[in-house]
Amino acid sequence: MNRKWVLAPLVVFGVLAAFLYKGLSLNPTELPSAMVGKQLPMVQWRQLSGETIEAGEFLGQPALINVWATWCPTCKAEHGYLNTLSKQGVRIIGLNYKDDVELAQEWLDRYGDPYAVNLVDESGRIGIELGVYGAPETYLVDAQGNILEKHVGVVNEKVWTSKFAQRYFSGQ
């Protein structure tokens, strides 16, 4: 009976070590998304200007939907590259997430506005429907609003090239 009690901590340690080892090999930017392969939520989207818009009004061509906020330091890190993509003709739709509208407008005035459309999700309700974990997150959608890809974290040249560019330009 005493032998079992001696081996129990070793077994528990072995199981925990296996889980920790597996966890170290995971990439935190590759979070699964239940929305990939589905439509954007068909809700009334509010714009930074205060007006509402239907998804059909801002779709019609492939786009990146970038979830961002002024409180997010990583969003600031990616913002310059989003401006570059926008100047190259990539259509980007901004979704300002759980943020103050006035601060968001000041941010865009100060750092540039890469967004063809500026949407607002002050309460986080749309973020819940999209499956947003936090900011920044970027979704690739086709012209009909089907979500083709999701990326958690900074969009930079490497991410754009490896994850989005080919699908964006092919529209699928």
N, C-alpha and C. Protein backbone atom coordinates (compact mmCIF):
# COMPACT_ATOMS: atom_id res chain seq x y z
N MET A 1 0.82 -1.20 0.00
CA MET A 1 0.00 0.00 0.00
C MET A 1 0.87 1.27 0.00
N ASN A 2 1.95 1.27 0.73
CA ASN A 2 2.84 2.43 0.76
C ASN A 2 3.48 2.69 -0.59
N ARG A 3 3.70 1.64 -1.37
CA ARG A 3 4.31 1.79 -2.70
C ARG A 3 3.43 2.63 -3.63
N LYS A 4 2.13 2.46 -3.56
CA LYS A 4 1.21 3.23 -4.40
C LYS A 4 1.33 4.73 -4.10
N TRP A 5 1.47 5.06 -2.83
CA TRP A 5 1.56 6.46 -2.47
C TRP A 5 2.89 7.07 -2.91
N VAL A 6 3.89 6.27 -3.03
CA VAL A 6 5.19 6.76 -3.50
C VAL A 6 5.14 7.00 -5.01
N LEU A 7 4.48 6.14 -5.74
CA LEU A 7 4.41 6.26 -7.19
C LEU A 7 3.40 7.31 -7.67
N ALA A 8 2.38 7.59 -6.87
CA ALA A 8 1.33 8.53 -7.29
C ALA A 8 1.89 9.91 -7.67
N PRO A 9 2.77 10.51 -6.85
CA PRO A 9 3.31 11.82 -7.26
C PRO A 9 4.12 11.75 -8.55
N LEU A 10 4.82 10.66 -8.78
CA LEU A 10 5.59 10.51 -10.01
C LEU A 10 4.67 10.43 -11.23
N VAL A 11 3.57 9.71 -11.10
CA VAL A 11 2.61 9.60 -12.19
C VAL A 11 1.99 10.96 -12.48
N VAL A 12 1.57 11.67 -11.43
CA VAL A 12 0.99 13.01 -11.59
C VAL A 12 2.00 13.95 -12.25
N PHE A 13 3.25 13.91 -11.80
CA PHE A 13 4.28 14.73 -12.40
C PHE A 13 4.47 14.40 -13.88
N GLY A 14 4.47 13.14 -14.22
CA GLY A 14 4.63 12.72 -15.61
C GLY A 14 3.51 13.22 -16.50
N VAL A 15 2.28 13.14 -16.01
CA VAL A 15 1.12 13.62 -16.78
C VAL A 15 1.22 15.14 -16.97
N LEU A 16 1.51 15.86 -15.90
CA LEU A 16 1.64 17.32 -16.01
C LEU A 16 2.78 17.72 -16.95
N ALA A 17 3.90 17.02 -16.86
CA ALA A 17 5.03 17.31 -17.75
C ALA A 17 4.64 17.09 -19.21
N ALA A 18 3.88 16.05 -19.49
CA ALA A 18 3.44 15.78 -20.87
C ALA A 18 2.54 16.91 -21.37
N PHE A 19 1.60 17.38 -20.55
CA PHE A 19 0.72 18.48 -20.95
C PHE A 19 1.51 19.76 -21.18
N LEU A 20 2.44 20.06 -20.29
CA LEU A 20 3.25 21.26 -20.45
C LEU A 20 4.12 21.19 -21.70
N TYR A 21 4.69 20.04 -21.97
CA TYR A 21 5.51 19.86 -23.16
C TYR A 21 4.67 20.08 -24.42
N LYS A 22 3.46 19.53 -24.44
CA LYS A 22 2.56 19.70 -25.58
C LYS A 22 2.19 21.18 -25.75
N GLY A 23 1.94 21.86 -24.63
CA GLY A 23 1.57 23.27 -24.67
C GLY A 23 2.66 24.16 -25.24
N LEU A 24 3.91 23.81 -25.00
CA LEU A 24 5.02 24.61 -25.52
C LEU A 24 5.13 24.55 -27.03
N SER A 25 4.58 23.51 -27.63
CA SER A 25 4.67 23.37 -29.09
C SER A 25 3.51 24.04 -29.82
N LEU A 26 2.53 24.59 -29.09
CA LEU A 26 1.38 25.24 -29.72
C LEU A 26 1.71 26.68 -30.09
N ASN A 27 1.13 27.15 -31.18
CA ASN A 27 1.31 28.52 -31.63
C ASN A 27 0.09 29.32 -31.17
N PRO A 28 0.25 30.33 -30.30
CA PRO A 28 -0.91 31.06 -29.79
C PRO A 28 -1.63 31.88 -30.85
N THR A 29 -1.01 32.14 -32.00
CA THR A 29 -1.70 32.88 -33.06
C THR A 29 -2.56 31.98 -33.92
N GLU A 30 -2.52 30.68 -33.70
CA GLU A 30 -3.32 29.74 -34.47
C GLU A 30 -4.47 29.20 -33.64
N LEU A 31 -5.30 30.13 -33.18
CA LEU A 31 -6.47 29.75 -32.41
C LEU A 31 -7.56 29.31 -33.37
N PRO A 32 -8.25 28.23 -33.07
CA PRO A 32 -9.30 27.79 -33.97
C PRO A 32 -10.46 28.78 -33.99
N SER A 33 -11.10 28.88 -35.12
CA SER A 33 -12.26 29.76 -35.23
C SER A 33 -13.43 28.99 -35.78
N ALA A 34 -14.51 29.02 -35.04
CA ALA A 34 -15.73 28.37 -35.49
C ALA A 34 -16.35 29.12 -36.66
N MET A 35 -15.91 30.35 -36.91
CA MET A 35 -16.52 31.17 -37.96
C MET A 35 -15.89 30.96 -39.33
N VAL A 36 -14.69 30.38 -39.41
CA VAL A 36 -14.08 30.16 -40.71
C VAL A 36 -14.98 29.22 -41.51
N GLY A 37 -15.31 29.65 -42.73
CA GLY A 37 -16.22 28.89 -43.57
C GLY A 37 -17.67 29.33 -43.44
N LYS A 38 -17.94 30.28 -42.56
CA LYS A 38 -19.31 30.78 -42.35
C LYS A 38 -19.40 32.24 -42.79
N GLN A 39 -20.63 32.73 -42.81
CA GLN A 39 -20.92 34.12 -43.19
C GLN A 39 -20.62 35.07 -42.04
N LEU A 40 -20.27 36.31 -42.40
CA LEU A 40 -20.21 37.36 -41.40
C LEU A 40 -21.58 37.46 -40.73
N PRO A 41 -21.64 37.83 -39.48
CA PRO A 41 -22.94 38.03 -38.84
C PRO A 41 -23.73 39.10 -39.60
N MET A 42 -24.96 38.78 -39.93
CA MET A 42 -25.82 39.73 -40.65
C MET A 42 -26.60 40.56 -39.62
N VAL A 43 -25.89 41.53 -39.08
CA VAL A 43 -26.44 42.41 -38.06
C VAL A 43 -26.35 43.85 -38.57
N GLN A 44 -26.96 44.75 -37.83
CA GLN A 44 -26.77 46.17 -38.11
C GLN A 44 -25.41 46.57 -37.57
N TRP A 45 -24.51 46.93 -38.45
CA TRP A 45 -23.18 47.36 -38.05
C TRP A 45 -23.21 48.88 -37.90
N ARG A 46 -22.62 49.39 -36.85
CA ARG A 46 -22.55 50.83 -36.65
C ARG A 46 -21.18 51.31 -37.10
N GLN A 47 -21.18 52.42 -37.80
CA GLN A 47 -19.93 53.01 -38.27
C GLN A 47 -19.40 54.02 -37.26
N LEU A 48 -18.14 54.34 -37.38
CA LEU A 48 -17.51 55.33 -36.51
C LEU A 48 -18.25 56.66 -36.60
N SER A 49 -18.82 56.94 -37.76
CA SER A 49 -19.58 58.19 -37.96
C SER A 49 -20.91 58.18 -37.21
N GLY A 50 -21.33 57.02 -36.72
CA GLY A 50 -22.61 56.91 -36.01
C GLY A 50 -23.72 56.31 -36.86
N GLU A 51 -23.55 56.30 -38.17
CA GLU A 51 -24.55 55.73 -39.07
C GLU A 51 -24.49 54.21 -39.01
N THR A 52 -25.62 53.57 -39.35
CA THR A 52 -25.63 52.10 -39.41
C THR A 52 -25.47 51.66 -40.86
N ILE A 53 -25.01 50.43 -41.01
CA ILE A 53 -24.75 49.89 -42.34
C ILE A 53 -24.99 48.38 -42.29
N GLU A 54 -25.50 47.83 -43.37
CA GLU A 54 -25.68 46.38 -43.51
C GLU A 54 -24.41 45.79 -44.10
N ALA A 55 -24.13 44.53 -43.78
CA ALA A 55 -22.93 43.87 -44.32
C ALA A 55 -22.91 43.92 -45.84
N GLY A 56 -24.05 43.76 -46.47
CA GLY A 56 -24.12 43.79 -47.93
C GLY A 56 -23.67 45.11 -48.52
N GLU A 57 -23.74 46.18 -47.73
CA GLU A 57 -23.34 47.50 -48.22
C GLU A 57 -21.82 47.69 -48.22
N PHE A 58 -21.10 46.97 -47.38
CA PHE A 58 -19.64 47.13 -47.38
C PHE A 58 -18.91 45.93 -47.95
N LEU A 59 -19.68 44.96 -48.46
CA LEU A 59 -19.05 43.82 -49.11
C LEU A 59 -19.01 44.06 -50.62
N GLY A 60 -18.93 43.01 -51.40
CA GLY A 60 -18.91 43.16 -52.85
C GLY A 60 -17.55 42.86 -53.46
N GLN A 61 -16.53 42.82 -52.61
CA GLN A 61 -15.19 42.43 -53.04
C GLN A 61 -14.47 41.87 -51.82
N PRO A 62 -13.42 41.10 -52.03
CA PRO A 62 -12.69 40.55 -50.88
C PRO A 62 -12.17 41.68 -49.99
N ALA A 63 -12.05 41.39 -48.71
CA ALA A 63 -11.56 42.39 -47.77
C ALA A 63 -10.94 41.72 -46.55
N LEU A 64 -10.09 42.45 -45.89
CA LEU A 64 -9.63 42.07 -44.57
C LEU A 64 -10.50 42.83 -43.57
N ILE A 65 -10.96 42.16 -42.55
CA ILE A 65 -11.65 42.84 -41.45
C ILE A 65 -10.69 42.80 -40.28
N ASN A 66 -10.22 43.99 -39.89
CA ASN A 66 -9.21 44.11 -38.85
C ASN A 66 -9.86 44.60 -37.57
N VAL A 67 -9.79 43.78 -36.51
CA VAL A 67 -10.32 44.14 -35.20
C VAL A 67 -9.20 44.86 -34.45
N TRP A 68 -9.46 46.10 -34.03
CA TRP A 68 -8.43 46.93 -33.42
C TRP A 68 -9.02 47.80 -32.32
N ALA A 69 -8.14 48.37 -31.52
CA ALA A 69 -8.57 49.29 -30.45
C ALA A 69 -7.42 50.21 -30.09
N THR A 70 -7.76 51.38 -29.58
CA THR A 70 -6.72 52.33 -29.18
C THR A 70 -5.99 51.87 -27.93
N TRP A 71 -6.62 51.05 -27.12
CA TRP A 71 -5.99 50.54 -25.89
C TRP A 71 -5.04 49.37 -26.16
N CYS A 72 -4.93 48.95 -27.40
CA CYS A 72 -4.17 47.76 -27.78
C CYS A 72 -2.80 48.16 -28.34
N PRO A 73 -1.71 47.95 -27.59
CA PRO A 73 -0.38 48.34 -28.11
C PRO A 73 0.03 47.54 -29.34
N THR A 74 -0.42 46.31 -29.45
CA THR A 74 -0.09 45.49 -30.61
C THR A 74 -0.78 46.04 -31.86
N CYS A 75 -1.95 46.63 -31.69
CA CYS A 75 -2.66 47.24 -32.83
C CYS A 75 -1.84 48.40 -33.39
N LYS A 76 -1.22 49.16 -32.50
CA LYS A 76 -0.38 50.27 -32.96
C LYS A 76 0.81 49.73 -33.75
N ALA A 77 1.35 48.60 -33.30
CA ALA A 77 2.49 48.00 -33.98
C ALA A 77 2.15 47.57 -35.41
N GLU A 78 0.93 47.11 -35.65
CA GLU A 78 0.56 46.65 -36.98
C GLU A 78 -0.02 47.75 -37.87
N HIS A 79 -0.38 48.88 -37.28
CA HIS A 79 -1.11 49.91 -38.01
C HIS A 79 -0.35 50.46 -39.21
N GLY A 80 0.94 50.65 -39.07
CA GLY A 80 1.74 51.14 -40.19
C GLY A 80 1.69 50.20 -41.39
N TYR A 81 1.74 48.90 -41.13
CA TYR A 81 1.68 47.94 -42.23
C TYR A 81 0.29 47.92 -42.86
N LEU A 82 -0.75 48.10 -42.07
CA LEU A 82 -2.10 48.19 -42.64
C LEU A 82 -2.22 49.40 -43.56
N ASN A 83 -1.61 50.51 -43.17
CA ASN A 83 -1.59 51.69 -44.06
C ASN A 83 -0.90 51.36 -45.37
N THR A 84 0.20 50.61 -45.31
CA THR A 84 0.93 50.21 -46.52
C THR A 84 0.06 49.33 -47.40
N LEU A 85 -0.60 48.33 -46.82
CA LEU A 85 -1.48 47.45 -47.60
C LEU A 85 -2.61 48.24 -48.26
N SER A 86 -3.19 49.16 -47.51
CA SER A 86 -4.28 49.97 -48.05
C SER A 86 -3.81 50.78 -49.26
N LYS A 87 -2.62 51.36 -49.18
CA LYS A 87 -2.07 52.14 -50.30
C LYS A 87 -1.78 51.25 -51.51
N GLN A 88 -1.58 49.94 -51.27
CA GLN A 88 -1.34 49.00 -52.36
C GLN A 88 -2.65 48.46 -52.94
N GLY A 89 -3.79 48.95 -52.45
CA GLY A 89 -5.08 48.57 -52.99
C GLY A 89 -5.79 47.46 -52.26
N VAL A 90 -5.26 47.01 -51.12
CA VAL A 90 -5.95 45.98 -50.33
C VAL A 90 -7.08 46.66 -49.57
N ARG A 91 -8.27 46.11 -49.70
CA ARG A 91 -9.44 46.66 -49.02
C ARG A 91 -9.49 46.15 -47.59
N ILE A 92 -9.44 47.08 -46.65
CA ILE A 92 -9.45 46.74 -45.23
C ILE A 92 -10.63 47.42 -44.57
N ILE A 93 -11.37 46.65 -43.81
CA ILE A 93 -12.50 47.16 -43.03
C ILE A 93 -12.08 47.11 -41.57
N GLY A 94 -12.18 48.23 -40.89
CA GLY A 94 -11.80 48.29 -39.49
C GLY A 94 -12.99 48.02 -38.59
N LEU A 95 -12.77 47.24 -37.55
CA LEU A 95 -13.78 47.03 -36.51
C LEU A 95 -13.16 47.46 -35.19
N ASN A 96 -13.51 48.67 -34.77
CA ASN A 96 -13.00 49.21 -33.52
C ASN A 96 -13.73 48.51 -32.38
N TYR A 97 -12.96 47.83 -31.53
CA TYR A 97 -13.49 46.86 -30.57
C TYR A 97 -13.40 47.35 -29.13
N LYS A 98 -14.56 47.44 -28.47
CA LYS A 98 -14.64 47.80 -27.05
C LYS A 98 -13.79 49.03 -26.75
N ASP A 99 -14.07 50.09 -27.45
CA ASP A 99 -13.23 51.28 -27.40
C ASP A 99 -14.11 52.52 -27.33
N ASP A 100 -13.50 53.64 -27.09
CA ASP A 100 -14.15 54.94 -27.09
C ASP A 100 -14.11 55.50 -28.51
N VAL A 101 -15.25 55.88 -29.05
CA VAL A 101 -15.36 56.34 -30.44
C VAL A 101 -14.51 57.58 -30.69
N GLU A 102 -14.50 58.51 -29.75
CA GLU A 102 -13.71 59.73 -29.94
C GLU A 102 -12.21 59.42 -29.97
N LEU A 103 -11.77 58.53 -29.08
CA LEU A 103 -10.36 58.14 -29.09
C LEU A 103 -10.00 57.42 -30.39
N ALA A 104 -10.93 56.61 -30.89
CA ALA A 104 -10.69 55.89 -32.15
C ALA A 104 -10.52 56.87 -33.30
N GLN A 105 -11.37 57.88 -33.37
CA GLN A 105 -11.25 58.87 -34.45
C GLN A 105 -9.95 59.66 -34.34
N GLU A 106 -9.56 60.01 -33.11
CA GLU A 106 -8.29 60.71 -32.91
C GLU A 106 -7.11 59.84 -33.36
N TRP A 107 -7.19 58.56 -33.04
CA TRP A 107 -6.14 57.59 -33.43
C TRP A 107 -5.99 57.58 -34.95
N LEU A 108 -7.11 57.47 -35.67
CA LEU A 108 -7.07 57.42 -37.13
C LEU A 108 -6.56 58.73 -37.72
N ASP A 109 -6.94 59.84 -37.12
CA ASP A 109 -6.44 61.14 -37.58
C ASP A 109 -4.93 61.24 -37.38
N ARG A 110 -4.44 60.69 -36.29
CA ARG A 110 -3.02 60.79 -35.95
C ARG A 110 -2.15 59.81 -36.73
N TYR A 111 -2.59 58.53 -36.83
CA TYR A 111 -1.74 57.48 -37.40
C TYR A 111 -2.12 57.08 -38.83
N GLY A 112 -3.15 57.69 -39.38
CA GLY A 112 -3.60 57.35 -40.73
C GLY A 112 -4.77 56.38 -40.66
N ASP A 113 -5.57 56.42 -41.70
CA ASP A 113 -6.79 55.60 -41.75
C ASP A 113 -6.72 54.64 -42.93
N PRO A 114 -6.34 53.39 -42.68
CA PRO A 114 -6.25 52.42 -43.78
C PRO A 114 -7.58 51.77 -44.14
N TYR A 115 -8.64 52.14 -43.42
CA TYR A 115 -9.91 51.42 -43.54
C TYR A 115 -10.86 52.04 -44.56
N ALA A 116 -11.37 51.20 -45.44
CA ALA A 116 -12.37 51.64 -46.41
C ALA A 116 -13.69 51.91 -45.70
N VAL A 117 -13.95 51.17 -44.64
CA VAL A 117 -15.14 51.33 -43.81
C VAL A 117 -14.67 51.20 -42.36
N ASN A 118 -15.17 52.07 -41.49
CA ASN A 118 -14.84 52.02 -40.07
C ASN A 118 -16.07 51.61 -39.27
N LEU A 119 -16.05 50.39 -38.75
CA LEU A 119 -17.15 49.87 -37.95
C LEU A 119 -16.79 49.96 -36.47
N VAL A 120 -17.82 49.98 -35.63
CA VAL A 120 -17.63 50.12 -34.19
C VAL A 120 -18.37 49.00 -33.47
N ASP A 121 -17.71 48.44 -32.46
CA ASP A 121 -18.33 47.44 -31.59
C ASP A 121 -18.00 47.78 -30.15
N GLU A 122 -18.66 48.84 -29.64
CA GLU A 122 -18.36 49.32 -28.29
C GLU A 122 -18.69 48.29 -27.22
N SER A 123 -19.75 47.54 -27.40
CA SER A 123 -20.18 46.59 -26.36
C SER A 123 -19.50 45.23 -26.48
N GLY A 124 -18.95 44.92 -27.64
CA GLY A 124 -18.34 43.61 -27.85
C GLY A 124 -19.31 42.56 -28.36
N ARG A 125 -20.56 42.95 -28.62
CA ARG A 125 -21.60 42.00 -29.07
C ARG A 125 -21.25 41.38 -30.43
N ILE A 126 -20.81 42.20 -31.37
CA ILE A 126 -20.44 41.67 -32.68
C ILE A 126 -19.18 40.81 -32.55
N GLY A 127 -18.28 41.23 -31.69
CA GLY A 127 -17.08 40.44 -31.44
C GLY A 127 -17.42 39.04 -30.95
N ILE A 128 -18.42 38.93 -30.11
CA ILE A 128 -18.85 37.62 -29.63
C ILE A 128 -19.36 36.78 -30.80
N GLU A 129 -20.17 37.40 -31.65
CA GLU A 129 -20.71 36.67 -32.82
C GLU A 129 -19.60 36.25 -33.79
N LEU A 130 -18.54 37.07 -33.88
CA LEU A 130 -17.42 36.75 -34.77
C LEU A 130 -16.45 35.74 -34.14
N GLY A 131 -16.52 35.60 -32.83
CA GLY A 131 -15.57 34.72 -32.14
C GLY A 131 -14.26 35.41 -31.84
N VAL A 132 -14.31 36.72 -31.59
CA VAL A 132 -13.11 37.50 -31.31
C VAL A 132 -12.59 37.15 -29.92
N TYR A 133 -11.29 36.89 -29.82
CA TYR A 133 -10.63 36.66 -28.54
C TYR A 133 -10.14 37.98 -27.96
N GLY A 134 -9.75 38.90 -28.81
CA GLY A 134 -9.21 40.19 -28.40
C GLY A 134 -8.65 40.90 -29.62
N ALA A 135 -7.98 42.00 -29.39
CA ALA A 135 -7.41 42.74 -30.51
C ALA A 135 -5.89 42.61 -30.47
N PRO A 136 -5.24 42.60 -31.61
CA PRO A 136 -5.77 42.61 -32.96
C PRO A 136 -6.10 41.21 -33.47
N GLU A 137 -7.12 41.15 -34.26
CA GLU A 137 -7.47 39.95 -35.01
C GLU A 137 -7.86 40.41 -36.40
N THR A 138 -7.58 39.56 -37.38
CA THR A 138 -7.90 39.92 -38.75
C THR A 138 -8.55 38.74 -39.44
N TYR A 139 -9.65 39.03 -40.13
CA TYR A 139 -10.39 38.03 -40.88
C TYR A 139 -10.29 38.36 -42.36
N LEU A 140 -10.14 37.34 -43.18
CA LEU A 140 -10.22 37.50 -44.63
C LEU A 140 -11.61 37.05 -45.04
N VAL A 141 -12.35 37.93 -45.72
CA VAL A 141 -13.69 37.58 -46.19
C VAL A 141 -13.73 37.74 -47.71
N ASP A 142 -14.54 36.90 -48.34
CA ASP A 142 -14.71 37.03 -49.79
C ASP A 142 -15.80 38.06 -50.09
N ALA A 143 -16.10 38.26 -51.35
CA ALA A 143 -17.04 39.30 -51.77
C ALA A 143 -18.45 39.08 -51.22
N GLN A 144 -18.80 37.84 -50.89
CA GLN A 144 -20.13 37.52 -50.36
C GLN A 144 -20.17 37.55 -48.83
N GLY A 145 -19.05 37.80 -48.19
CA GLY A 145 -19.02 37.87 -46.73
C GLY A 145 -18.70 36.55 -46.05
N ASN A 146 -18.22 35.56 -46.83
CA ASN A 146 -17.80 34.29 -46.23
C ASN A 146 -16.43 34.47 -45.60
N ILE A 147 -16.27 34.02 -44.38
CA ILE A 147 -14.99 34.14 -43.69
C ILE A 147 -14.09 33.01 -44.17
N LEU A 148 -12.97 33.39 -44.79
CA LEU A 148 -12.05 32.42 -45.37
C LEU A 148 -10.89 32.08 -44.44
N GLU A 149 -10.49 33.04 -43.63
CA GLU A 149 -9.29 32.86 -42.80
C GLU A 149 -9.37 33.80 -41.61
N LYS A 150 -8.69 33.42 -40.53
CA LYS A 150 -8.60 34.26 -39.34
C LYS A 150 -7.16 34.24 -38.85
N HIS A 151 -6.70 35.41 -38.41
CA HIS A 151 -5.36 35.50 -37.82
C HIS A 151 -5.47 36.29 -36.52
N VAL A 152 -4.90 35.75 -35.46
CA VAL A 152 -4.83 36.43 -34.17
C VAL A 152 -3.43 37.00 -34.03
N GLY A 153 -3.34 38.30 -33.79
CA GLY A 153 -2.05 38.96 -33.63
C GLY A 153 -1.77 39.93 -34.76
N VAL A 154 -0.55 40.41 -34.78
CA VAL A 154 -0.12 41.43 -35.74
C VAL A 154 -0.15 40.90 -37.17
N VAL A 155 -0.69 41.70 -38.07
CA VAL A 155 -0.54 41.43 -39.50
C VAL A 155 0.67 42.23 -39.95
N ASN A 156 1.68 41.51 -40.40
CA ASN A 156 2.88 42.13 -40.93
C ASN A 156 3.13 41.53 -42.31
N GLU A 157 4.24 41.85 -42.92
CA GLU A 157 4.51 41.36 -44.27
C GLU A 157 4.54 39.83 -44.33
N LYS A 158 5.13 39.22 -43.33
CA LYS A 158 5.21 37.75 -43.31
C LYS A 158 3.81 37.12 -43.23
N VAL A 159 2.98 37.62 -42.35
CA VAL A 159 1.62 37.09 -42.20
C VAL A 159 0.81 37.35 -43.47
N TRP A 160 0.91 38.56 -44.00
CA TRP A 160 0.18 38.89 -45.22
C TRP A 160 0.56 37.94 -46.35
N THR A 161 1.86 37.76 -46.55
CA THR A 161 2.34 36.92 -47.64
C THR A 161 1.98 35.45 -47.45
N SER A 162 2.17 34.94 -46.25
CA SER A 162 1.97 33.50 -46.02
C SER A 162 0.52 33.11 -45.79
N LYS A 163 -0.30 34.03 -45.28
CA LYS A 163 -1.64 33.64 -44.87
C LYS A 163 -2.76 34.25 -45.70
N PHE A 164 -2.58 35.47 -46.17
CA PHE A 164 -3.69 36.19 -46.77
C PHE A 164 -3.55 36.51 -48.26
N ALA A 165 -2.38 36.90 -48.72
CA ALA A 165 -2.22 37.48 -50.06
C ALA A 165 -2.79 36.63 -51.18
N GLN A 166 -2.41 35.37 -51.25
CA GLN A 166 -2.87 34.53 -52.35
C GLN A 166 -4.39 34.37 -52.34
N ARG A 167 -4.95 34.14 -51.17
CA ARG A 167 -6.41 33.97 -51.08
C ARG A 167 -7.14 35.28 -51.33
N TYR A 168 -6.55 36.40 -50.91
CA TYR A 168 -7.18 37.71 -51.14
C TYR A 168 -7.29 37.97 -52.63
N PHE A 169 -6.20 37.80 -53.35
CA PHE A 169 -6.20 38.13 -54.77
C PHE A 169 -6.95 37.11 -55.61
N SER A 170 -7.08 35.88 -55.12
CA SER A 170 -7.86 34.89 -55.87
C SER A 170 -9.34 34.96 -55.48
N GLY A 171 -9.63 35.64 -54.35
CA GLY A 171 -11.01 35.78 -53.90
C GLY A 171 -11.58 34.52 -53.29
N GLN A 172 -10.72 33.55 -52.95
CA GLN A 172 -11.22 32.31 -52.35
C GLN A 172 -10.33 31.76 -51.29
